[in-house]
Amino acid sequence: MDDLSNPKEPLIQVLRIVIHMAVRVLAVLMTLVVLWGVADVIMVLYHKLRTPPVMLLTITDILALFGAFMAVLIAIEILINIIIYLREDVIHVKIVMATALMAIARKVIIMDFSTITAGYMLAVAAVVLAMSVGYWLVVLKESKHHKIDFCDTEKQGREER
């Protein structure tokens, strides 16, 4: 019977190569998405500024531009997640949660409060709260982990003297 938990297993090695190639393809595609997103922001801004009244933006136009900017920033965050995965072969929860927070912030920024229901607003608020608390806990755990490592290193240094 094959030992699939063994990294030297030939099947596991082939699967890892396939996954890394797929992630590389995703990185290239996400780079294209970022570039298209930037081009889209430029085109939308250009068209909004050319329509009468010329060189003036309405609140609706500004919110639409904010949404487009945030979408590009979210795509960049996703690209960073992909690149980090390629480097370290591990998914970093903190970065993924920060990307999710940015996505929900985009939703809040472009939200049209005149058309949404109270239930929808409460649901979005619950997601924001849950993601914020989750992110805070991840950061808190990470900072405690670093403090422990620092204290252990400091303690070892004193013991060596």
C-alpha atoms as a PDB file:
ATOM      1  CA  MET A   1       0.000   0.000   0.000  1.00  0.00           C
ATOM      2  CA  ASP A   2       1.291   3.478  -0.902  1.00  0.00           C
ATOM      3  CA  ASP A   3       2.171   5.864   1.910  1.00  0.00           C
ATOM      4  CA  LEU A   4       0.535   9.105   0.691  1.00  0.00           C
ATOM      5  CA  SER A   5       1.695  11.045   3.746  1.00  0.00           C
ATOM      6  CA  ASN A   6       5.296  10.400   2.689  1.00  0.00           C
ATOM      7  CA  PRO A   7       6.594  13.353   0.630  1.00  0.00           C
ATOM      8  CA  LYS A   8       8.981  10.980  -1.205  1.00  0.00           C
ATOM      9  CA  GLU A   9       6.026   9.031  -2.602  1.00  0.00           C
ATOM     10  CA  PRO A  10       6.143   9.454  -6.434  1.00  0.00           C
ATOM     11  CA  LEU A  11       2.412  10.159  -6.732  1.00  0.00           C
ATOM     12  CA  ILE A  12       2.633  12.910  -4.099  1.00  0.00           C
ATOM     13  CA  GLN A  13       5.599  14.460  -5.916  1.00  0.00           C
ATOM     14  CA  VAL A  14       3.678  14.501  -9.217  1.00  0.00           C
ATOM     15  CA  LEU A  15       0.590  15.960  -7.538  1.00  0.00           C
ATOM     16  CA  ARG A  16       2.642  18.727  -5.921  1.00  0.00           C
ATOM     17  CA  ILE A  17       4.161  19.619  -9.304  1.00  0.00           C
ATOM     18  CA  VAL A  18       0.682  19.739 -10.880  1.00  0.00           C
ATOM     19  CA  ILE A  19      -0.657  21.936  -8.061  1.00  0.00           C
ATOM     20  CA  HIS A  20       2.317  24.313  -8.286  1.00  0.00           C
ATOM     21  CA  MET A  21       1.832  24.623 -12.053  1.00  0.00           C
ATOM     22  CA  ALA A  22      -1.877  25.353 -11.525  1.00  0.00           C
ATOM     23  CA  VAL A  23      -1.035  28.017  -8.929  1.00  0.00           C
ATOM     24  CA  ARG A  24       1.458  29.595 -11.352  1.00  0.00           C
ATOM     25  CA  VAL A  25      -1.257  29.749 -14.020  1.00  0.00           C
ATOM     26  CA  LEU A  26      -3.566  31.385 -11.454  1.00  0.00           C
ATOM     27  CA  ALA A  27      -0.853  33.956 -10.662  1.00  0.00           C
ATOM     28  CA  VAL A  28      -0.515  34.881 -14.340  1.00  0.00           C
ATOM     29  CA  LEU A  29      -4.295  35.105 -14.755  1.00  0.00           C
ATOM     30  CA  MET A  30      -4.661  37.227 -11.614  1.00  0.00           C
ATOM     31  CA  THR A  31      -1.954  39.574 -12.895  1.00  0.00           C
ATOM     32  CA  LEU A  32      -4.001  40.008 -16.074  1.00  0.00           C
ATOM     33  CA  VAL A  33      -7.121  40.650 -13.981  1.00  0.00           C
ATOM     34  CA  VAL A  34      -5.272  43.363 -12.032  1.00  0.00           C
ATOM     35  CA  LEU A  35      -4.099  45.020 -15.246  1.00  0.00           C
ATOM     36  CA  TRP A  36      -7.596  44.874 -16.764  1.00  0.00           C
ATOM     37  CA  GLY A  37      -9.011  46.253 -13.529  1.00  0.00           C
ATOM     38  CA  VAL A  38      -6.619  49.209 -13.622  1.00  0.00           C
ATOM     39  CA  ALA A  39      -7.517  49.839 -17.274  1.00  0.00           C
ATOM     40  CA  ASP A  40     -11.206  49.673 -16.351  1.00  0.00           C
ATOM     41  CA  VAL A  41     -10.774  52.219 -13.531  1.00  0.00           C
ATOM     42  CA  ILE A  42      -8.971  54.554 -15.941  1.00  0.00           C
ATOM     43  CA  MET A  43     -11.693  54.169 -18.601  1.00  0.00           C
ATOM     44  CA  VAL A  44     -14.553  54.656 -16.140  1.00  0.00           C
ATOM     45  CA  LEU A  45     -12.892  57.750 -14.685  1.00  0.00           C
ATOM     46  CA  TYR A  46     -12.227  59.141 -18.156  1.00  0.00           C
ATOM     47  CA  HIS A  47     -15.837  58.590 -19.285  1.00  0.00           C
ATOM     48  CA  LYS A  48     -17.319  59.990 -16.065  1.00  0.00           C
ATOM     49  CA  LEU A  49     -15.190  63.128 -16.327  1.00  0.00           C
ATOM     50  CA  ARG A  50     -16.130  63.683 -20.007  1.00  0.00           C
ATOM     51  CA  THR A  51     -19.898  63.424 -19.557  1.00  0.00           C
ATOM     52  CA  PRO A  52     -21.745  66.660 -18.754  1.00  0.00           C
ATOM     53  CA  PRO A  53     -21.195  68.363 -16.424  1.00  0.00           C
ATOM     54  CA  VAL A  54     -17.584  68.016 -17.597  1.00  0.00           C
ATOM     55  CA  MET A  55     -14.891  67.412 -14.938  1.00  0.00           C
ATOM     56  CA  LEU A  56     -17.460  66.907 -12.169  1.00  0.00           C
ATOM     57  CA  LEU A  57     -18.335  63.666 -10.433  1.00  0.00           C
ATOM     58  CA  THR A  58     -21.569  62.911  -8.623  1.00  0.00           C
ATOM     59  CA  ILE A  59     -21.661  60.994  -5.362  1.00  0.00           C
ATOM     60  CA  THR A  60     -22.856  57.952  -7.287  1.00  0.00           C
ATOM     61  CA  ASP A  61     -19.884  58.263  -9.673  1.00  0.00           C
ATOM     62  CA  ILE A  62     -17.453  58.577  -6.769  1.00  0.00           C
ATOM     63  CA  LEU A  63     -18.907  55.516  -5.033  1.00  0.00           C
ATOM     64  CA  ALA A  64     -18.688  53.540  -8.283  1.00  0.00           C
ATOM     65  CA  LEU A  65     -15.034  54.569  -8.636  1.00  0.00           C
ATOM     66  CA  PHE A  66     -14.324  53.623  -5.021  1.00  0.00           C
ATOM     67  CA  GLY A  67     -15.835  50.209  -5.719  1.00  0.00           C
ATOM     68  CA  ALA A  68     -13.678  49.786  -8.818  1.00  0.00           C
ATOM     69  CA  PHE A  69     -10.547  50.831  -6.919  1.00  0.00           C
ATOM     70  CA  MET A  70     -11.336  48.427  -4.092  1.00  0.00           C
ATOM     71  CA  ALA A  71     -11.951  45.593  -6.563  1.00  0.00           C
ATOM     72  CA  VAL A  72      -8.473  46.124  -8.014  1.00  0.00           C
ATOM     73  CA  LEU A  73      -6.948  46.250  -4.524  1.00  0.00           C
ATOM     74  CA  ILE A  74      -8.720  43.004  -3.619  1.00  0.00           C
ATOM     75  CA  ALA A  75      -7.357  41.397  -6.796  1.00  0.00           C
ATOM     76  CA  ILE A  76      -3.864  42.550  -5.790  1.00  0.00           C
ATOM     77  CA  GLU A  77      -4.345  41.030  -2.323  1.00  0.00           C
ATOM     78  CA  ILE A  78      -5.417  37.748  -3.911  1.00  0.00           C
ATOM     79  CA  LEU A  79      -2.348  37.851  -6.155  1.00  0.00           C
ATOM     80  CA  ILE A  80      -0.181  38.364  -3.058  1.00  0.00           C
ATOM     81  CA  ASN A  81      -1.873  35.344  -1.440  1.00  0.00           C
ATOM     82  CA  ILE A  82      -1.061  33.261  -4.520  1.00  0.00           C
ATOM     83  CA  ILE A  83       2.572  34.418  -4.580  1.00  0.00           C
ATOM     84  CA  ILE A  84       3.040  33.670  -0.884  1.00  0.00           C
ATOM     85  CA  TYR A  85       1.553  30.215  -1.420  1.00  0.00           C
ATOM     86  CA  LEU A  86       4.052  29.596  -4.235  1.00  0.00           C
ATOM     87  CA  ARG A  87       6.944  30.625  -1.988  1.00  0.00           C
ATOM     88  CA  GLU A  88       5.999  28.822   1.197  1.00  0.00           C
ATOM     89  CA  ASP A  89       3.500  26.149   0.109  1.00  0.00           C
ATOM     90  CA  VAL A  90       1.190  27.164   2.968  1.00  0.00           C
ATOM     91  CA  ILE A  91      -1.912  29.333   3.212  1.00  0.00           C
ATOM     92  CA  HIS A  92      -1.517  32.240   5.631  1.00  0.00           C
ATOM     93  CA  VAL A  93      -4.781  32.748   7.470  1.00  0.00           C
ATOM     94  CA  LYS A  94      -3.940  36.340   8.438  1.00  0.00           C
ATOM     95  CA  ILE A  95      -3.503  37.443   4.823  1.00  0.00           C
ATOM     96  CA  VAL A  96      -6.605  35.597   3.648  1.00  0.00           C
ATOM     97  CA  MET A  97      -8.667  37.184   6.428  1.00  0.00           C
ATOM     98  CA  ALA A  98      -7.268  40.631   5.615  1.00  0.00           C
ATOM     99  CA  THR A  99      -8.336  40.106   2.002  1.00  0.00           C
ATOM    100  CA  ALA A 100     -11.810  39.062   3.140  1.00  0.00           C
ATOM    101  CA  LEU A 101     -12.030  42.141   5.363  1.00  0.00           C
ATOM    102  CA  MET A 102     -11.093  44.303   2.422  1.00  0.00           C
ATOM    103  CA  ALA A 103     -13.778  42.645   0.294  1.00  0.00           C
ATOM    104  CA  ILE A 104     -16.479  43.227   2.892  1.00  0.00           C
ATOM    105  CA  ALA A 105     -15.248  46.819   3.333  1.00  0.00           C
ATOM    106  CA  ARG A 106     -15.702  47.283  -0.421  1.00  0.00           C
ATOM    107  CA  LYS A 107     -19.250  46.005  -0.082  1.00  0.00           C
ATOM    108  CA  VAL A 108     -19.959  48.478   2.713  1.00  0.00           C
ATOM    109  CA  ILE A 109     -18.422  51.383   0.781  1.00  0.00           C
ATOM    110  CA  ILE A 110     -20.504  50.827  -2.356  1.00  0.00           C
ATOM    111  CA  MET A 111     -23.688  49.888  -0.492  1.00  0.00           C
ATOM    112  CA  ASP A 112     -26.742  51.892  -1.559  1.00  0.00           C
ATOM    113  CA  PHE A 113     -28.566  52.356   1.710  1.00  0.00           C
ATOM    114  CA  SER A 114     -31.743  53.525  -0.013  1.00  0.00           C
ATOM    115  CA  THR A 115     -32.328  50.142  -1.657  1.00  0.00           C
ATOM    116  CA  ILE A 116     -31.226  47.577   0.967  1.00  0.00           C
ATOM    117  CA  THR A 117     -33.313  46.086   3.738  1.00  0.00           C
ATOM    118  CA  ALA A 118     -32.579  46.255   7.436  1.00  0.00           C
ATOM    119  CA  GLY A 119     -32.001  42.494   7.511  1.00  0.00           C
ATOM    120  CA  TYR A 120     -29.385  42.745   4.787  1.00  0.00           C
ATOM    121  CA  MET A 121     -27.643  45.558   6.643  1.00  0.00           C
ATOM    122  CA  LEU A 122     -27.632  43.518   9.861  1.00  0.00           C
ATOM    123  CA  ALA A 123     -26.224  40.519   7.996  1.00  0.00           C
ATOM    124  CA  VAL A 124     -23.400  42.624   6.546  1.00  0.00           C
ATOM    125  CA  ALA A 125     -22.732  44.087  10.003  1.00  0.00           C
ATOM    126  CA  ALA A 126     -22.558  40.572  11.455  1.00  0.00           C
ATOM    127  CA  VAL A 127     -20.051  39.518   8.782  1.00  0.00           C
ATOM    128  CA  VAL A 128     -17.933  42.622   9.420  1.00  0.00           C
ATOM    129  CA  LEU A 129     -17.970  41.967  13.162  1.00  0.00           C
ATOM    130  CA  ALA A 130     -17.179  38.259  12.778  1.00  0.00           C
ATOM    131  CA  MET A 131     -14.319  38.901  10.334  1.00  0.00           C
ATOM    132  CA  SER A 132     -12.913  41.691  12.500  1.00  0.00           C
ATOM    133  CA  VAL A 133     -12.963  39.560  15.645  1.00  0.00           C
ATOM    134  CA  GLY A 134     -11.461  36.628  13.735  1.00  0.00           C
ATOM    135  CA  TYR A 135      -8.696  38.808  12.325  1.00  0.00           C
ATOM    136  CA  TRP A 136      -8.022  40.296  15.766  1.00  0.00           C
ATOM    137  CA  LEU A 137      -7.736  36.790  17.250  1.00  0.00           C
ATOM    138  CA  VAL A 138      -5.326  35.676  14.525  1.00  0.00           C
ATOM    139  CA  VAL A 139      -3.167  38.783  15.063  1.00  0.00           C
ATOM    140  CA  LEU A 140      -3.328  38.316  18.850  1.00  0.00           C
ATOM    141  CA  LYS A 141      -2.259  34.669  18.574  1.00  0.00           C
ATOM    142  CA  GLU A 142       0.535  35.613  16.203  1.00  0.00           C
ATOM    143  CA  SER A 143       1.832  38.367  18.497  1.00  0.00           C
ATOM    144  CA  LYS A 144       1.744  36.047  21.529  1.00  0.00           C
ATOM    145  CA  HIS A 145       3.598  33.416  19.509  1.00  0.00           C
ATOM    146  CA  HIS A 146       6.322  35.932  18.657  1.00  0.00           C
ATOM    147  CA  LYS A 147       6.539  37.112  22.282  1.00  0.00           C
ATOM    148  CA  ILE A 148       6.967  33.528  23.429  1.00  0.00           C
ATOM    149  CA  ASP A 149       9.692  32.938  20.850  1.00  0.00           C
ATOM    150  CA  PHE A 150      11.460  36.163  21.888  1.00  0.00           C
ATOM    151  CA  CYS A 151      11.224  35.304  25.596  1.00  0.00           C
ATOM    152  CA  ASP A 152      12.506  31.781  24.969  1.00  0.00           C
ATOM    153  CA  THR A 153      15.439  33.153  22.962  1.00  0.00           C
ATOM    154  CA  GLU A 154      16.217  35.700  25.665  1.00  0.00           C
ATOM    155  CA  LYS A 155      16.017  32.991  28.342  1.00  0.00           C
ATOM    156  CA  GLN A 156      18.348  30.725  26.364  1.00  0.00           C
ATOM    157  CA  GLY A 157      20.829  33.592  26.003  1.00  0.00           C
ATOM    158  CA  ARG A 158      20.928  34.100  29.796  1.00  0.00           C
ATOM    159  CA  GLU A 159      21.360  30.373  30.400  1.00  0.00           C
ATOM    160  CA  GLU A 160      24.322  30.237  28.014  1.00  0.00           C
ATOM    161  CA  ARG A 161      26.105  33.038  29.929  1.00  0.00           C
END
